Every structure is written in structure tokens, then in C-alpha cells.
PDB file of all heavy atoms in Angstrom:
ATOM      1  N   PHE A   1     -48.745 -65.429  22.302  1.00  0.00           N
ATOM      2  CA  PHE A   1     -50.025 -65.628  22.919  1.00  0.00           C
ATOM      3  C   PHE A   1     -50.016 -65.838  24.470  1.00  0.00           C
ATOM      4  O   PHE A   1     -50.643 -66.672  25.005  1.00  0.00           O
ATOM      5  CB  PHE A   1     -50.787 -66.708  22.185  1.00  0.00           C
ATOM      6  CG  PHE A   1     -50.839 -66.625  20.743  1.00  0.00           C
ATOM      7  CD1 PHE A   1     -50.164 -67.462  19.893  1.00  0.00           C
ATOM      8  CD2 PHE A   1     -51.726 -65.610  20.146  1.00  0.00           C
ATOM      9  CE1 PHE A   1     -50.195 -67.304  18.548  1.00  0.00           C
ATOM     10  CE2 PHE A   1     -51.731 -65.495  18.787  1.00  0.00           C
ATOM     11  CZ  PHE A   1     -50.990 -66.275  18.013  1.00  0.00           C
ATOM     12  N   ARG A   2     -49.001 -65.138  25.090  1.00  0.00           N
ATOM     13  CA  ARG A   2     -48.864 -65.198  26.462  1.00  0.00           C
ATOM     14  C   ARG A   2     -49.292 -63.836  27.053  1.00  0.00           C
ATOM     15  O   ARG A   2     -49.617 -62.961  26.287  1.00  0.00           O
ATOM     16  CB  ARG A   2     -47.425 -65.454  26.940  1.00  0.00           C
ATOM     17  CG  ARG A   2     -46.809 -66.794  26.427  1.00  0.00           C
ATOM     18  CD  ARG A   2     -47.658 -68.004  27.078  1.00  0.00           C
ATOM     19  NE  ARG A   2     -46.884 -69.175  27.084  1.00  0.00           N
ATOM     20  CZ  ARG A   2     -46.746 -70.105  26.108  1.00  0.00           C
ATOM     21  NH1 ARG A   2     -47.318 -69.789  24.975  1.00  0.00           N
ATOM     22  NH2 ARG A   2     -46.099 -71.219  26.298  1.00  0.00           N
ATOM     23  N   SER A   3     -49.199 -63.718  28.352  1.00  0.00           N
ATOM     24  CA  SER A   3     -49.628 -62.418  28.931  1.00  0.00           C
ATOM     25  C   SER A   3     -48.516 -61.759  29.636  1.00  0.00           C
ATOM     26  O   SER A   3     -47.554 -62.396  30.132  1.00  0.00           O
ATOM     27  CB  SER A   3     -50.816 -62.627  29.933  1.00  0.00           C
ATOM     28  OG  SER A   3     -50.367 -63.558  31.008  1.00  0.00           O
ATOM     29  N   ILE A   4     -48.645 -60.402  29.844  1.00  0.00           N
ATOM     30  CA  ILE A   4     -47.737 -59.645  30.654  1.00  0.00           C
ATOM     31  C   ILE A   4     -48.548 -58.495  31.164  1.00  0.00           C
ATOM     32  O   ILE A   4     -49.448 -57.998  30.455  1.00  0.00           O
ATOM     33  CB  ILE A   4     -46.561 -59.032  29.830  1.00  0.00           C
ATOM     34  CG1 ILE A   4     -45.611 -58.219  30.621  1.00  0.00           C
ATOM     35  CG2 ILE A   4     -47.060 -58.206  28.523  1.00  0.00           C
ATOM     36  CD1 ILE A   4     -44.289 -57.887  29.906  1.00  0.00           C
ATOM     37  N   SER A   5     -48.271 -58.067  32.404  1.00  0.00           N
ATOM     38  CA  SER A   5     -49.126 -57.103  33.033  1.00  0.00           C
ATOM     39  C   SER A   5     -48.732 -55.725  32.523  1.00  0.00           C
ATOM     40  O   SER A   5     -47.568 -55.485  32.041  1.00  0.00           O
ATOM     41  CB  SER A   5     -48.901 -57.137  34.586  1.00  0.00           C
ATOM     42  OG  SER A   5     -47.541 -56.684  34.920  1.00  0.00           O
ATOM     43  N   PHE A   6     -49.655 -54.777  32.601  1.00  0.00           N
ATOM     44  CA  PHE A   6     -49.294 -53.399  32.129  1.00  0.00           C
ATOM     45  C   PHE A   6     -48.284 -52.821  32.984  1.00  0.00           C
ATOM     46  O   PHE A   6     -47.414 -52.082  32.410  1.00  0.00           O
ATOM     47  CB  PHE A   6     -50.633 -52.594  32.218  1.00  0.00           C
ATOM     48  CG  PHE A   6     -50.555 -51.244  31.600  1.00  0.00           C
ATOM     49  CD1 PHE A   6     -50.861 -51.002  30.310  1.00  0.00           C
ATOM     50  CD2 PHE A   6     -50.093 -50.130  32.326  1.00  0.00           C
ATOM     51  CE1 PHE A   6     -50.796 -49.781  29.665  1.00  0.00           C
ATOM     52  CE2 PHE A   6     -49.980 -48.893  31.813  1.00  0.00           C
ATOM     53  CZ  PHE A   6     -50.282 -48.709  30.419  1.00  0.00           C
ATOM     54  N   VAL A   7     -48.278 -53.087  34.211  1.00  0.00           N
ATOM     55  CA  VAL A   7     -47.220 -52.453  35.153  1.00  0.00           C
ATOM     56  C   VAL A   7     -45.816 -52.908  34.735  1.00  0.00           C
ATOM     57  O   VAL A   7     -44.905 -52.198  34.600  1.00  0.00           O
ATOM     58  CB  VAL A   7     -47.489 -52.855  36.577  1.00  0.00           C
ATOM     59  CG1 VAL A   7     -46.324 -52.396  37.465  1.00  0.00           C
ATOM     60  CG2 VAL A   7     -48.784 -52.165  37.031  1.00  0.00           C
ATOM     61  N   ALA A   8     -45.733 -54.292  34.456  1.00  0.00           N
ATOM     62  CA  ALA A   8     -44.404 -54.776  34.046  1.00  0.00           C
ATOM     63  C   ALA A   8     -44.038 -54.207  32.706  1.00  0.00           C
ATOM     64  O   ALA A   8     -42.786 -53.888  32.524  1.00  0.00           O
ATOM     65  CB  ALA A   8     -44.451 -56.328  33.979  1.00  0.00           C
ATOM     66  N   GLY A   9     -44.928 -54.150  31.852  1.00  0.00           N
ATOM     67  CA  GLY A   9     -44.549 -53.507  30.591  1.00  0.00           C
ATOM     68  C   GLY A   9     -44.087 -52.125  30.653  1.00  0.00           C
ATOM     69  O   GLY A   9     -43.199 -51.672  29.984  1.00  0.00           O
ATOM     70  N   TRP A  10     -44.852 -51.349  31.539  1.00  0.00           N
ATOM     71  CA  TRP A  10     -44.509 -49.894  31.717  1.00  0.00           C
ATOM     72  C   TRP A  10     -43.091 -49.810  32.298  1.00  0.00           C
ATOM     73  O   TRP A  10     -42.346 -48.984  31.846  1.00  0.00           O
ATOM     74  CB  TRP A  10     -45.545 -49.251  32.580  1.00  0.00           C
ATOM     75  CG  TRP A  10     -45.292 -47.766  32.682  1.00  0.00           C
ATOM     76  CD1 TRP A  10     -45.666 -46.829  31.740  1.00  0.00           C
ATOM     77  CD2 TRP A  10     -44.655 -47.070  33.757  1.00  0.00           C
ATOM     78  NE1 TRP A  10     -45.326 -45.530  32.246  1.00  0.00           N
ATOM     79  CE2 TRP A  10     -44.660 -45.677  33.436  1.00  0.00           C
ATOM     80  CE3 TRP A  10     -44.068 -47.450  34.950  1.00  0.00           C
ATOM     81  CZ2 TRP A  10     -44.177 -44.712  34.332  1.00  0.00           C
ATOM     82  CZ3 TRP A  10     -43.549 -46.510  35.799  1.00  0.00           C
ATOM     83  CH2 TRP A  10     -43.536 -45.175  35.411  1.00  0.00           C
ATOM     84  N   LEU A  11     -42.815 -50.612  33.287  1.00  0.00           N
ATOM     85  CA  LEU A  11     -41.423 -50.509  33.910  1.00  0.00           C
ATOM     86  C   LEU A  11     -40.332 -50.924  32.987  1.00  0.00           C
ATOM     87  O   LEU A  11     -39.324 -50.293  32.938  1.00  0.00           O
ATOM     88  CB  LEU A  11     -41.433 -51.393  35.114  1.00  0.00           C
ATOM     89  CG  LEU A  11     -42.192 -51.006  36.386  1.00  0.00           C
ATOM     90  CD1 LEU A  11     -42.178 -52.108  37.447  1.00  0.00           C
ATOM     91  CD2 LEU A  11     -41.789 -49.779  36.924  1.00  0.00           C
ATOM     92  N   LEU A  12     -40.677 -51.948  32.105  1.00  0.00           N
ATOM     93  CA  LEU A  12     -39.676 -52.366  31.172  1.00  0.00           C
ATOM     94  C   LEU A  12     -39.417 -51.246  30.156  1.00  0.00           C
ATOM     95  O   LEU A  12     -38.173 -50.968  29.870  1.00  0.00           O
ATOM     96  CB  LEU A  12     -40.221 -53.584  30.429  1.00  0.00           C
ATOM     97  CG  LEU A  12     -39.346 -54.216  29.358  1.00  0.00           C
ATOM     98  CD1 LEU A  12     -38.020 -54.752  29.973  1.00  0.00           C
ATOM     99  CD2 LEU A  12     -40.015 -55.350  28.648  1.00  0.00           C
ATOM    100  N   ILE A  13     -40.393 -50.585  29.678  1.00  0.00           N
ATOM    101  CA  ILE A  13     -40.264 -49.487  28.645  1.00  0.00           C
ATOM    102  C   ILE A  13     -39.503 -48.345  29.312  1.00  0.00           C
ATOM    103  O   ILE A  13     -38.559 -47.747  28.693  1.00  0.00           O
ATOM    104  CB  ILE A  13     -41.682 -49.141  28.092  1.00  0.00           C
ATOM    105  CG1 ILE A  13     -42.146 -50.193  27.209  1.00  0.00           C
ATOM    106  CG2 ILE A  13     -41.526 -47.817  27.336  1.00  0.00           C
ATOM    107  CD1 ILE A  13     -43.584 -49.946  26.744  1.00  0.00           C
ATOM    108  N   ILE A  14     -39.975 -47.916  30.409  1.00  0.00           N
ATOM    109  CA  ILE A  14     -39.335 -46.659  30.988  1.00  0.00           C
ATOM    110  C   ILE A  14     -37.925 -46.942  31.431  1.00  0.00           C
ATOM    111  O   ILE A  14     -37.047 -46.029  31.112  1.00  0.00           O
ATOM    112  CB  ILE A  14     -40.197 -46.180  32.241  1.00  0.00           C
ATOM    113  CG1 ILE A  14     -41.619 -45.842  31.745  1.00  0.00           C
ATOM    114  CG2 ILE A  14     -39.603 -44.971  32.920  1.00  0.00           C
ATOM    115  CD1 ILE A  14     -41.698 -44.772  30.718  1.00  0.00           C
ATOM    116  N   THR A  15     -37.675 -47.990  32.029  1.00  0.00           N
ATOM    117  CA  THR A  15     -36.245 -48.230  32.435  1.00  0.00           C
ATOM    118  C   THR A  15     -35.258 -48.423  31.291  1.00  0.00           C
ATOM    119  O   THR A  15     -34.165 -47.898  31.308  1.00  0.00           O
ATOM    120  CB  THR A  15     -36.137 -49.498  33.418  1.00  0.00           C
ATOM    121  OG1 THR A  15     -36.781 -50.667  32.680  1.00  0.00           O
ATOM    122  CG2 THR A  15     -36.842 -49.247  34.686  1.00  0.00           C
ATOM    123  N   THR A  16     -35.745 -49.091  30.206  1.00  0.00           N
ATOM    124  CA  THR A  16     -34.822 -49.238  28.998  1.00  0.00           C
ATOM    125  C   THR A  16     -34.653 -47.868  28.389  1.00  0.00           C
ATOM    126  O   THR A  16     -33.613 -47.676  27.770  1.00  0.00           O
ATOM    127  CB  THR A  16     -35.406 -50.232  28.072  1.00  0.00           C
ATOM    128  OG1 THR A  16     -36.749 -49.955  27.667  1.00  0.00           O
ATOM    129  CG2 THR A  16     -35.394 -51.693  28.668  1.00  0.00           C
ATOM    130  N   GLN A  17     -35.575 -46.998  28.421  1.00  0.00           N
ATOM    131  CA  GLN A  17     -35.506 -45.724  27.738  1.00  0.00           C
ATOM    132  C   GLN A  17     -34.644 -44.696  28.561  1.00  0.00           C
ATOM    133  O   GLN A  17     -34.005 -43.865  27.945  1.00  0.00           O
ATOM    134  CB  GLN A  17     -36.915 -45.152  27.588  1.00  0.00           C
ATOM    135  CG  GLN A  17     -37.795 -45.871  26.499  1.00  0.00           C
ATOM    136  CD  GLN A  17     -37.330 -45.695  25.134  1.00  0.00           C
ATOM    137  OE1 GLN A  17     -36.593 -46.585  24.558  1.00  0.00           O
ATOM    138  NE2 GLN A  17     -37.555 -44.617  24.457  1.00  0.00           N
ATOM    139  N   VAL A  18     -34.718 -44.851  29.814  1.00  0.00           N
ATOM    140  CA  VAL A  18     -34.074 -43.911  30.706  1.00  0.00           C
ATOM    141  C   VAL A  18     -32.676 -44.306  31.157  1.00  0.00           C
ATOM    142  O   VAL A  18     -31.824 -43.427  31.496  1.00  0.00           O
ATOM    143  CB  VAL A  18     -34.960 -43.536  31.900  1.00  0.00           C
ATOM    144  CG1 VAL A  18     -34.294 -42.632  32.911  1.00  0.00           C
ATOM    145  CG2 VAL A  18     -36.207 -42.876  31.395  1.00  0.00           C
ATOM    146  N   LEU A  19     -32.430 -45.593  31.298  1.00  0.00           N
ATOM    147  CA  LEU A  19     -31.197 -46.161  31.870  1.00  0.00           C
ATOM    148  C   LEU A  19     -29.948 -45.488  31.311  1.00  0.00           C
ATOM    149  O   LEU A  19     -29.060 -44.970  32.047  1.00  0.00           O
ATOM    150  CB  LEU A  19     -31.140 -47.646  31.615  1.00  0.00           C
ATOM    151  CG  LEU A  19     -29.882 -48.327  32.161  1.00  0.00           C
ATOM    152  CD1 LEU A  19     -29.795 -48.223  33.707  1.00  0.00           C
ATOM    153  CD2 LEU A  19     -29.927 -49.788  31.792  1.00  0.00           C
ATOM    154  N   GLY A  20     -29.802 -45.323  29.934  1.00  0.00           N
ATOM    155  CA  GLY A  20     -28.602 -44.732  29.351  1.00  0.00           C
ATOM    156  C   GLY A  20     -28.394 -43.286  29.712  1.00  0.00           C
ATOM    157  O   GLY A  20     -27.276 -42.824  29.602  1.00  0.00           O
ATOM    158  N   TYR A  21     -29.535 -42.617  30.117  1.00  0.00           N
ATOM    159  CA  TYR A  21     -29.283 -41.151  30.471  1.00  0.00           C
ATOM    160  C   TYR A  21     -28.407 -41.023  31.620  1.00  0.00           C
ATOM    161  O   TYR A  21     -27.656 -39.930  31.741  1.00  0.00           O
ATOM    162  CB  TYR A  21     -30.690 -40.512  30.753  1.00  0.00           C
ATOM    163  CG  TYR A  21     -31.640 -40.379  29.637  1.00  0.00           C
ATOM    164  CD1 TYR A  21     -32.899 -39.879  29.771  1.00  0.00           C
ATOM    165  CD2 TYR A  21     -31.226 -40.731  28.259  1.00  0.00           C
ATOM    166  CE1 TYR A  21     -33.839 -39.737  28.709  1.00  0.00           C
ATOM    167  CE2 TYR A  21     -32.194 -40.640  27.236  1.00  0.00           C
ATOM    168  CZ  TYR A  21     -33.446 -40.035  27.447  1.00  0.00           C
ATOM    169  OH  TYR A  21     -34.272 -39.920  26.445  1.00  0.00           O
ATOM    170  N   GLY A  22     -28.398 -41.959  32.551  1.00  0.00           N
ATOM    171  CA  GLY A  22     -27.647 -41.885  33.728  1.00  0.00           C
ATOM    172  C   GLY A  22     -26.146 -41.625  33.480  1.00  0.00           C
ATOM    173  O   GLY A  22     -25.500 -40.720  34.030  1.00  0.00           O
ATOM    174  N   TRP A  23     -25.596 -42.494  32.686  1.00  0.00           N
ATOM    175  CA  TRP A  23     -24.111 -42.413  32.446  1.00  0.00           C
ATOM    176  C   TRP A  23     -23.865 -41.490  31.242  1.00  0.00           C
ATOM    177  O   TRP A  23     -22.749 -40.903  31.159  1.00  0.00           O
ATOM    178  CB  TRP A  23     -23.532 -43.755  32.113  1.00  0.00           C
ATOM    179  CG  TRP A  23     -24.035 -44.610  31.015  1.00  0.00           C
ATOM    180  CD1 TRP A  23     -23.933 -44.348  29.721  1.00  0.00           C
ATOM    181  CD2 TRP A  23     -24.774 -45.788  31.172  1.00  0.00           C
ATOM    182  NE1 TRP A  23     -24.583 -45.320  28.970  1.00  0.00           N
ATOM    183  CE2 TRP A  23     -25.111 -46.223  29.837  1.00  0.00           C
ATOM    184  CE3 TRP A  23     -25.243 -46.556  32.151  1.00  0.00           C
ATOM    185  CZ2 TRP A  23     -25.836 -47.448  29.560  1.00  0.00           C
ATOM    186  CZ3 TRP A  23     -25.981 -47.670  31.970  1.00  0.00           C
ATOM    187  CH2 TRP A  23     -26.274 -48.138  30.648  1.00  0.00           C
ATOM    188  N   ALA A  24     -24.812 -41.199  30.370  1.00  0.00           N
ATOM    189  CA  ALA A  24     -24.563 -40.279  29.290  1.00  0.00           C
ATOM    190  C   ALA A  24     -24.282 -38.886  29.763  1.00  0.00           C
ATOM    191  O   ALA A  24     -23.393 -38.172  29.314  1.00  0.00           O
ATOM    192  CB  ALA A  24     -25.830 -40.235  28.305  1.00  0.00           C
ATOM    193  N   GLY A  25     -25.023 -38.576  30.856  1.00  0.00           N
ATOM    194  CA  GLY A  25     -24.813 -37.177  31.396  1.00  0.00           C
ATOM    195  C   GLY A  25     -23.418 -36.964  31.979  1.00  0.00           C
ATOM    196  O   GLY A  25     -22.885 -35.811  31.860  1.00  0.00           O
ATOM    197  N   LEU A  26     -22.775 -38.063  32.391  1.00  0.00           N
ATOM    198  CA  LEU A  26     -21.443 -37.973  32.949  1.00  0.00           C
ATOM    199  C   LEU A  26     -20.411 -37.906  31.851  1.00  0.00           C
ATOM    200  O   LEU A  26     -19.285 -37.642  32.119  1.00  0.00           O
ATOM    201  CB  LEU A  26     -21.212 -39.139  33.909  1.00  0.00           C
ATOM    202  CG  LEU A  26     -22.190 -39.338  35.045  1.00  0.00           C
ATOM    203  CD1 LEU A  26     -21.901 -40.636  35.785  1.00  0.00           C
ATOM    204  CD2 LEU A  26     -22.112 -38.145  35.982  1.00  0.00           C
ATOM    205  N   LEU A  27     -20.799 -38.218  30.668  1.00  0.00           N
ATOM    206  CA  LEU A  27     -19.857 -38.260  29.520  1.00  0.00           C
ATOM    207  C   LEU A  27     -19.870 -36.953  28.706  1.00  0.00           C
ATOM    208  O   LEU A  27     -19.236 -36.774  27.746  1.00  0.00           O
ATOM    209  CB  LEU A  27     -20.167 -39.434  28.601  1.00  0.00           C
ATOM    210  CG  LEU A  27     -20.058 -40.797  29.194  1.00  0.00           C
ATOM    211  CD1 LEU A  27     -20.458 -41.840  28.130  1.00  0.00           C
ATOM    212  CD2 LEU A  27     -18.726 -41.114  29.640  1.00  0.00           C
ATOM    213  N   ARG A  28     -20.737 -35.993  29.118  1.00  0.00           N
ATOM    214  CA  ARG A  28     -20.806 -34.750  28.357  1.00  0.00           C
ATOM    215  C   ARG A  28     -19.565 -33.992  28.176  1.00  0.00           C
ATOM    216  O   ARG A  28     -19.243 -33.418  27.181  1.00  0.00           O
ATOM    217  CB  ARG A  28     -21.888 -33.846  28.986  1.00  0.00           C
ATOM    218  CG  ARG A  28     -23.287 -34.289  28.951  1.00  0.00           C
ATOM    219  CD  ARG A  28     -24.296 -33.289  29.513  1.00  0.00           C
ATOM    220  NE  ARG A  28     -23.895 -33.110  30.985  1.00  0.00           N
ATOM    221  CZ  ARG A  28     -23.878 -31.969  31.614  1.00  0.00           C
ATOM    222  NH1 ARG A  28     -24.152 -30.855  30.889  1.00  0.00           N
ATOM    223  NH2 ARG A  28     -23.488 -31.863  32.827  1.00  0.00           N
ATOM    224  N   SER A  29     -18.751 -34.034  29.233  1.00  0.00           N
ATOM    225  CA  SER A  29     -17.466 -33.281  29.093  1.00  0.00           C
ATOM    226  C   SER A  29     -16.541 -33.886  28.103  1.00  0.00           C
ATOM    227  O   SER A  29     -15.523 -33.208  27.672  1.00  0.00           O
ATOM    228  CB  SER A  29     -16.770 -33.241  30.545  1.00  0.00           C
ATOM    229  OG  SER A  29     -16.518 -34.541  30.945  1.00  0.00           O
ATOM    230  N   TYR A  30     -16.756 -35.129  27.672  1.00  0.00           N
ATOM    231  CA  TYR A  30     -15.881 -35.812  26.767  1.00  0.00           C
ATOM    232  C   TYR A  30     -16.421 -35.660  25.322  1.00  0.00           C
ATOM    233  O   TYR A  30     -15.623 -35.632  24.410  1.00  0.00           O
ATOM    234  CB  TYR A  30     -15.688 -37.279  27.076  1.00  0.00           C
ATOM    235  CG  TYR A  30     -15.161 -37.536  28.354  1.00  0.00           C
ATOM    236  CD1 TYR A  30     -16.038 -37.930  29.459  1.00  0.00           C
ATOM    237  CD2 TYR A  30     -13.756 -37.414  28.649  1.00  0.00           C
ATOM    238  CE1 TYR A  30     -15.482 -38.222  30.704  1.00  0.00           C
ATOM    239  CE2 TYR A  30     -13.273 -37.657  29.898  1.00  0.00           C
ATOM    240  CZ  TYR A  30     -14.157 -38.019  30.980  1.00  0.00           C
ATOM    241  OH  TYR A  30     -13.592 -38.303  32.164  1.00  0.00           O
ATOM    242  N   VAL A  31     -17.721 -35.638  25.119  1.00  0.00           N
ATOM    243  CA  VAL A  31     -18.234 -35.716  23.777  1.00  0.00           C
ATOM    244  C   VAL A  31     -19.232 -34.619  23.361  1.00  0.00           C
ATOM    245  O   VAL A  31     -19.739 -34.615  22.230  1.00  0.00           O
ATOM    246  CB  VAL A  31     -18.936 -37.086  23.491  1.00  0.00           C
ATOM    247  CG1 VAL A  31     -17.904 -38.179  23.431  1.00  0.00           C
ATOM    248  CG2 VAL A  31     -19.969 -37.404  24.483  1.00  0.00           C
ATOM    249  N   VAL A  32     -19.556 -33.686  24.363  1.00  0.00           N
ATOM    250  CA  VAL A  32     -20.417 -32.588  23.987  1.00  0.00           C
ATOM    251  C   VAL A  32     -19.642 -31.272  23.942  1.00  0.00           C
ATOM    252  O   VAL A  32     -19.727 -30.472  23.134  1.00  0.00           O
ATOM    253  CB  VAL A  32     -21.685 -32.514  24.955  1.00  0.00           C
ATOM    254  CG1 VAL A  32     -22.435 -31.250  24.712  1.00  0.00           C
ATOM    255  CG2 VAL A  32     -22.514 -33.722  24.711  1.00  0.00           C
ATOM    256  N   GLU A  33     -18.943 -30.972  25.120  1.00  0.00           N
ATOM    257  CA  GLU A  33     -18.216 -29.688  25.318  1.00  0.00           C
ATOM    258  C   GLU A  33     -17.075 -29.498  24.316  1.00  0.00           C
ATOM    259  O   GLU A  33     -16.839 -28.420  23.849  1.00  0.00           O
ATOM    260  CB  GLU A  33     -17.787 -29.629  26.782  1.00  0.00           C
ATOM    261  CG  GLU A  33     -18.954 -29.492  27.718  1.00  0.00           C
ATOM    262  CD  GLU A  33     -18.507 -29.309  29.160  1.00  0.00           C
ATOM    263  OE1 GLU A  33     -17.286 -29.346  29.342  1.00  0.00           O
ATOM    264  OE2 GLU A  33     -19.388 -29.277  30.011  1.00  0.00           O
ATOM    265  N   PRO A  34     -16.304 -30.572  24.016  1.00  0.00           N
ATOM    266  CA  PRO A  34     -15.144 -30.340  23.153  1.00  0.00           C
ATOM    267  C   PRO A  34     -15.541 -29.939  21.726  1.00  0.00           C
ATOM    268  O   PRO A  34     -16.526 -30.445  21.159  1.00  0.00           O
ATOM    269  CB  PRO A  34     -14.403 -31.738  23.091  1.00  0.00           C
ATOM    270  CG  PRO A  34     -14.885 -32.382  24.379  1.00  0.00           C
ATOM    271  CD  PRO A  34     -16.320 -31.921  24.607  1.00  0.00           C
ATOM    272  N   ALA A  35     -14.886 -28.940  21.171  1.00  0.00           N
ATOM    273  CA  ALA A  35     -15.266 -28.477  19.824  1.00  0.00           C
ATOM    274  C   ALA A  35     -15.103 -29.496  18.739  1.00  0.00           C
ATOM    275  O   ALA A  35     -15.842 -29.453  17.801  1.00  0.00           O
ATOM    276  CB  ALA A  35     -14.401 -27.218  19.562  1.00  0.00           C
ATOM    277  N   HIS A  36     -14.095 -30.346  18.930  1.00  0.00           N
ATOM    278  CA  HIS A  36     -13.862 -31.372  17.851  1.00  0.00           C
ATOM    279  C   HIS A  36     -14.884 -32.474  17.892  1.00  0.00           C
ATOM    280  O   HIS A  36     -14.947 -33.322  16.913  1.00  0.00           O
ATOM    281  CB  HIS A  36     -12.468 -31.889  17.989  1.00  0.00           C
ATOM    282  CG  HIS A  36     -11.453 -30.930  17.607  1.00  0.00           C
ATOM    283  ND1 HIS A  36     -10.846 -30.056  18.468  1.00  0.00           N
ATOM    284  CD2 HIS A  36     -10.806 -30.647  16.413  1.00  0.00           C
ATOM    285  CE1 HIS A  36      -9.984 -29.292  17.867  1.00  0.00           C
ATOM    286  NE2 HIS A  36      -9.874 -29.622  16.668  1.00  0.00           N
ATOM    287  N   MET A  37     -15.649 -32.598  18.944  1.00  0.00           N
ATOM    288  CA  MET A  37     -16.786 -33.556  18.872  1.00  0.00           C
ATOM    289  C   MET A  37     -18.007 -32.756  18.338  1.00  0.00           C
ATOM    290  O   MET A  37     -18.778 -32.153  19.123  1.00  0.00           O
ATOM    291  CB  MET A  37     -17.078 -34.074  20.392  1.00  0.00           C
ATOM    292  CG  MET A  37     -15.945 -34.768  20.992  1.00  0.00           C
ATOM    293  SD  MET A  37     -15.612 -36.336  20.267  1.00  0.00           S
ATOM    294  CE  MET A  37     -13.960 -36.126  19.630  1.00  0.00           C
ATOM    295  N   TRP A  38     -18.137 -32.742  17.056  1.00  0.00           N
ATOM    296  CA  TRP A  38     -19.057 -31.772  16.414  1.00  0.00           C
ATOM    297  C   TRP A  38     -20.386 -32.300  16.073  1.00  0.00           C
ATOM    298  O   TRP A  38     -21.248 -31.509  15.611  1.00  0.00           O
ATOM    299  CB  TRP A  38     -18.336 -31.108  15.248  1.00  0.00           C
ATOM    300  CG  TRP A  38     -17.894 -32.000  14.134  1.00  0.00           C
ATOM    301  CD1 TRP A  38     -16.947 -32.990  14.109  1.00  0.00           C
ATOM    302  CD2 TRP A  38     -18.445 -32.019  12.748  1.00  0.00           C
ATOM    303  NE1 TRP A  38     -16.823 -33.547  12.999  1.00  0.00           N
ATOM    304  CE2 TRP A  38     -17.724 -33.014  12.113  1.00  0.00           C
ATOM    305  CE3 TRP A  38     -19.397 -31.290  12.037  1.00  0.00           C
ATOM    306  CZ2 TRP A  38     -17.876 -33.286  10.745  1.00  0.00           C
ATOM    307  CZ3 TRP A  38     -19.619 -31.591  10.760  1.00  0.00           C
ATOM    308  CH2 TRP A  38     -18.895 -32.532  10.090  1.00  0.00           C
ATOM    309  N   TRP A  39     -20.611 -33.599  15.988  1.00  0.00           N
ATOM    310  CA  TRP A  39     -21.913 -34.222  15.808  1.00  0.00           C
ATOM    311  C   TRP A  39     -22.567 -33.666  14.480  1.00  0.00           C
ATOM    312  O   TRP A  39     -23.413 -32.859  14.559  1.00  0.00           O
ATOM    313  CB  TRP A  39     -22.890 -33.993  17.000  1.00  0.00           C
ATOM    314  CG  TRP A  39     -22.434 -34.604  18.261  1.00  0.00           C
ATOM    315  CD1 TRP A  39     -21.489 -34.122  19.158  1.00  0.00           C
ATOM    316  CD2 TRP A  39     -22.772 -35.838  18.858  1.00  0.00           C
ATOM    317  NE1 TRP A  39     -21.324 -34.991  20.174  1.00  0.00           N
ATOM    318  CE2 TRP A  39     -22.112 -36.041  19.994  1.00  0.00           C
ATOM    319  CE3 TRP A  39     -23.722 -36.805  18.445  1.00  0.00           C
ATOM    320  CZ2 TRP A  39     -22.274 -37.214  20.790  1.00  0.00           C
ATOM    321  CZ3 TRP A  39     -23.845 -37.987  19.168  1.00  0.00           C
ATOM    322  CH2 TRP A  39     -23.144 -38.136  20.432  1.00  0.00           C
ATOM    323  N   PRO A  40     -22.202 -34.112  13.308  1.00  0.00           N
ATOM    324  CA  PRO A  40     -22.639 -33.640  12.125  1.00  0.00           C
ATOM    325  C   PRO A  40     -24.176 -33.584  11.952  1.00  0.00           C
ATOM    326  O   PRO A  40     -24.693 -32.622  11.330  1.00  0.00           O
ATOM    327  CB  PRO A  40     -22.015 -34.544  11.078  1.00  0.00           C
ATOM    328  CG  PRO A  40     -20.753 -35.104  11.739  1.00  0.00           C
ATOM    329  CD  PRO A  40     -21.180 -35.254  13.139  1.00  0.00           C
ATOM    330  N   SER A  41     -24.795 -34.617  12.459  1.00  0.00           N
ATOM    331  CA  SER A  41     -26.313 -34.642  12.259  1.00  0.00           C
ATOM    332  C   SER A  41     -27.023 -33.443  12.896  1.00  0.00           C
ATOM    333  O   SER A  41     -28.079 -32.987  12.432  1.00  0.00           O
ATOM    334  CB  SER A  41     -26.879 -35.965  12.776  1.00  0.00           C
ATOM    335  OG  SER A  41     -26.609 -36.107  14.220  1.00  0.00           O
ATOM    336  N   THR A  42     -26.449 -32.893  13.925  1.00  0.00           N
ATOM    337  CA  THR A  42     -27.129 -31.852  14.638  1.00  0.00           C
ATOM    338  C   THR A  42     -27.093 -30.496  13.780  1.00  0.00           C
ATOM    339  O   THR A  42     -27.898 -29.603  13.933  1.00  0.00           O
ATOM    340  CB  THR A  42     -26.478 -31.518  15.989  1.00  0.00           C
ATOM    341  OG1 THR A  42     -25.083 -31.060  15.786  1.00  0.00           O
ATOM    342  CG2 THR A  42     -26.494 -32.695  16.879  1.00  0.00           C
ATOM    343  N   LEU A  43     -26.177 -30.441  12.837  1.00  0.00           N
ATOM    344  CA  LEU A  43     -26.045 -29.224  12.043  1.00  0.00           C
ATOM    345  C   LEU A  43     -27.219 -29.097  11.069  1.00  0.00           C
ATOM    346  O   LEU A  43     -27.586 -27.977  10.669  1.00  0.00           O
ATOM    347  CB  LEU A  43     -24.740 -29.212  11.206  1.00  0.00           C
ATOM    348  CG  LEU A  43     -23.454 -29.284  12.052  1.00  0.00           C
ATOM    349  CD1 LEU A  43     -22.199 -29.185  11.203  1.00  0.00           C
ATOM    350  CD2 LEU A  43     -23.468 -28.097  13.124  1.00  0.00           C
TER     351      LEU A  43
END
């Protein structure tokens, strides 16, 4: 029963959702391009 502003809530949601994308993109050469990293769920 406290308050939080819409702006603070929006920044919190967007940053937590996007933050991991920054370093994930740099890891593509390790876990996306190699054939043996096959990600069963995508099949």
C-alpha cells in the first residue's frame, strides 16, 4: 500500500528486460553460431 510513479515503474521494467541483451549479443559467437550449441527447444 505504498506508491511508485509510472515513470519509475516504466524505467524499472524496460531496463530489467533489455539489460541482458547487451552482453547476450556479444556471446552469440560462443552459443549461437557453433553447430554443437543446438538449443533443443528451438527445434
